Amino acid sequence: MKEERAVYPINKYDSRHDILHIYLSNRCNEYNASADEEYPNVYVLKDDDTDEIVGFKILDFTKNVGKVAKIYPQYNFRV
């Protein structure tokens, strides 16, 4: 049986610039988060206090979605 991955409360795709923004909670404005480019064109937002991943920004999404899905299989990167 295939496990369904979560759909996140805030998932914004900018088709004009091919950027996907994912926030793992609808409380994203409450996070004191920093973004680090962990892989080329892949920014991971982490809570500054807990180092927990709270979101992603993926540039050139259509080119990078396969790579990102392999690196972070526990997250859903569907648009």
C-alpha atoms as a PDB file:
ATOM      1  CA  MET A   1       0.000   0.000   0.000  1.00  0.00           C
ATOM      2  CA  LYS A   2       1.360   3.421  -0.973  1.00  0.00           C
ATOM      3  CA  GLU A   3       1.527   5.958   1.829  1.00  0.00           C
ATOM      4  CA  GLU A   4      -0.016   9.367   1.067  1.00  0.00           C
ATOM      5  CA  ARG A   5       2.165  12.319   1.912  1.00  0.00           C
ATOM      6  CA  ALA A   6       0.815  15.403   3.629  1.00  0.00           C
ATOM      7  CA  VAL A   7      -0.666  18.403   1.873  1.00  0.00           C
ATOM      8  CA  TYR A   8       0.599  21.542   3.574  1.00  0.00           C
ATOM      9  CA  PRO A   9      -1.501  24.519   4.617  1.00  0.00           C
ATOM     10  CA  ILE A  10       0.455  26.994   2.526  1.00  0.00           C
ATOM     11  CA  ASN A  11       1.785  25.869  -0.824  1.00  0.00           C
ATOM     12  CA  LYS A  12       2.338  28.686  -3.324  1.00  0.00           C
ATOM     13  CA  TYR A  13       3.619  28.144  -6.842  1.00  0.00           C
ATOM     14  CA  ASP A  14       4.757  31.161  -8.840  1.00  0.00           C
ATOM     15  CA  SER A  15       4.524  29.915 -12.438  1.00  0.00           C
ATOM     16  CA  ARG A  16       5.942  33.125 -13.881  1.00  0.00           C
ATOM     17  CA  HIS A  17       9.222  32.645 -12.006  1.00  0.00           C
ATOM     18  CA  ASP A  18       8.959  28.841 -11.520  1.00  0.00           C
ATOM     19  CA  ILE A  19       9.323  29.017  -7.723  1.00  0.00           C
ATOM     20  CA  LEU A  20       7.534  26.826  -5.200  1.00  0.00           C
ATOM     21  CA  HIS A  21       7.055  28.096  -1.642  1.00  0.00           C
ATOM     22  CA  ILE A  22       6.004  25.517   0.956  1.00  0.00           C
ATOM     23  CA  TYR A  23       5.287  26.315   4.594  1.00  0.00           C
ATOM     24  CA  LEU A  24       4.728  23.274   6.759  1.00  0.00           C
ATOM     25  CA  SER A  25       2.354  25.045   9.142  1.00  0.00           C
ATOM     26  CA  ASN A  26      -0.344  27.674   8.791  1.00  0.00           C
ATOM     27  CA  ARG A  27       1.444  29.504  11.630  1.00  0.00           C
ATOM     28  CA  CYS A  28       4.409  30.294   9.375  1.00  0.00           C
ATOM     29  CA  ASN A  29       4.375  33.986  10.369  1.00  0.00           C
ATOM     30  CA  GLU A  30       5.054  33.010  13.974  1.00  0.00           C
ATOM     31  CA  TYR A  31       8.298  31.274  13.124  1.00  0.00           C
ATOM     32  CA  ASN A  32      11.594  32.983  13.567  1.00  0.00           C
ATOM     33  CA  ALA A  33      13.116  31.173  10.613  1.00  0.00           C
ATOM     34  CA  SER A  34      16.191  31.456   8.444  1.00  0.00           C
ATOM     35  CA  ALA A  35      16.647  30.119   4.930  1.00  0.00           C
ATOM     36  CA  ASP A  36      19.826  28.342   3.877  1.00  0.00           C
ATOM     37  CA  GLU A  37      20.606  27.188   0.355  1.00  0.00           C
ATOM     38  CA  GLU A  38      21.276  23.543   1.219  1.00  0.00           C
ATOM     39  CA  TYR A  39      21.434  22.467  -2.424  1.00  0.00           C
ATOM     40  CA  PRO A  40      21.618  24.595  -5.570  1.00  0.00           C
ATOM     41  CA  ASN A  41      18.266  26.412  -5.954  1.00  0.00           C
ATOM     42  CA  VAL A  42      16.820  24.707  -2.856  1.00  0.00           C
ATOM     43  CA  TYR A  43      16.341  26.880   0.218  1.00  0.00           C
ATOM     44  CA  VAL A  44      15.343  25.172   3.444  1.00  0.00           C
ATOM     45  CA  LEU A  45      13.650  27.331   6.078  1.00  0.00           C
ATOM     46  CA  LYS A  46      14.505  26.298   9.622  1.00  0.00           C
ATOM     47  CA  ASP A  47      13.251  27.556  12.957  1.00  0.00           C
ATOM     48  CA  ASP A  48      16.114  29.513  14.524  1.00  0.00           C
ATOM     49  CA  ASP A  49      15.415  28.139  18.006  1.00  0.00           C
ATOM     50  CA  THR A  50      14.800  24.447  17.291  1.00  0.00           C
ATOM     51  CA  ASP A  51      16.512  23.952  13.901  1.00  0.00           C
ATOM     52  CA  GLU A  52      13.279  22.242  12.761  1.00  0.00           C
ATOM     53  CA  ILE A  53      12.423  22.499   9.054  1.00  0.00           C
ATOM     54  CA  VAL A  54       9.425  24.830   8.688  1.00  0.00           C
ATOM     55  CA  GLY A  55       9.393  25.337   4.924  1.00  0.00           C
ATOM     56  CA  PHE A  56      11.080  25.296   1.543  1.00  0.00           C
ATOM     57  CA  LYS A  57      11.667  27.642  -1.360  1.00  0.00           C
ATOM     58  CA  ILE A  58      12.575  25.841  -4.576  1.00  0.00           C
ATOM     59  CA  LEU A  59      13.853  27.907  -7.502  1.00  0.00           C
ATOM     60  CA  ASP A  60      13.538  26.491 -11.033  1.00  0.00           C
ATOM     61  CA  PHE A  61      10.977  24.137  -9.553  1.00  0.00           C
ATOM     62  CA  THR A  62      10.133  22.207 -12.719  1.00  0.00           C
ATOM     63  CA  LYS A  63      13.837  21.357 -13.212  1.00  0.00           C
ATOM     64  CA  ASN A  64      14.538  20.542  -9.565  1.00  0.00           C
ATOM     65  CA  VAL A  65      11.404  18.783  -8.294  1.00  0.00           C
ATOM     66  CA  GLY A  66      12.767  15.272  -8.944  1.00  0.00           C
ATOM     67  CA  LYS A  67      16.036  15.991  -7.167  1.00  0.00           C
ATOM     68  CA  VAL A  68      14.294  17.606  -4.200  1.00  0.00           C
ATOM     69  CA  ALA A  69      11.787  14.755  -3.869  1.00  0.00           C
ATOM     70  CA  LYS A  70      14.693  12.290  -3.629  1.00  0.00           C
ATOM     71  CA  ILE A  71      16.553  14.385  -1.047  1.00  0.00           C
ATOM     72  CA  TYR A  72      13.448  14.989   1.115  1.00  0.00           C
ATOM     73  CA  PRO A  73      11.131  12.004   0.424  1.00  0.00           C
ATOM     74  CA  GLN A  74       9.127  12.657   3.593  1.00  0.00           C
ATOM     75  CA  TYR A  75       7.702  15.915   2.141  1.00  0.00           C
ATOM     76  CA  ASN A  76       5.135  16.433  -0.614  1.00  0.00           C
ATOM     77  CA  PHE A  77       6.341  18.713  -3.406  1.00  0.00           C
ATOM     78  CA  ARG A  78       3.280  18.488  -5.649  1.00  0.00           C
ATOM     79  CA  VAL A  79       1.856  21.727  -7.045  1.00  0.00           C
END
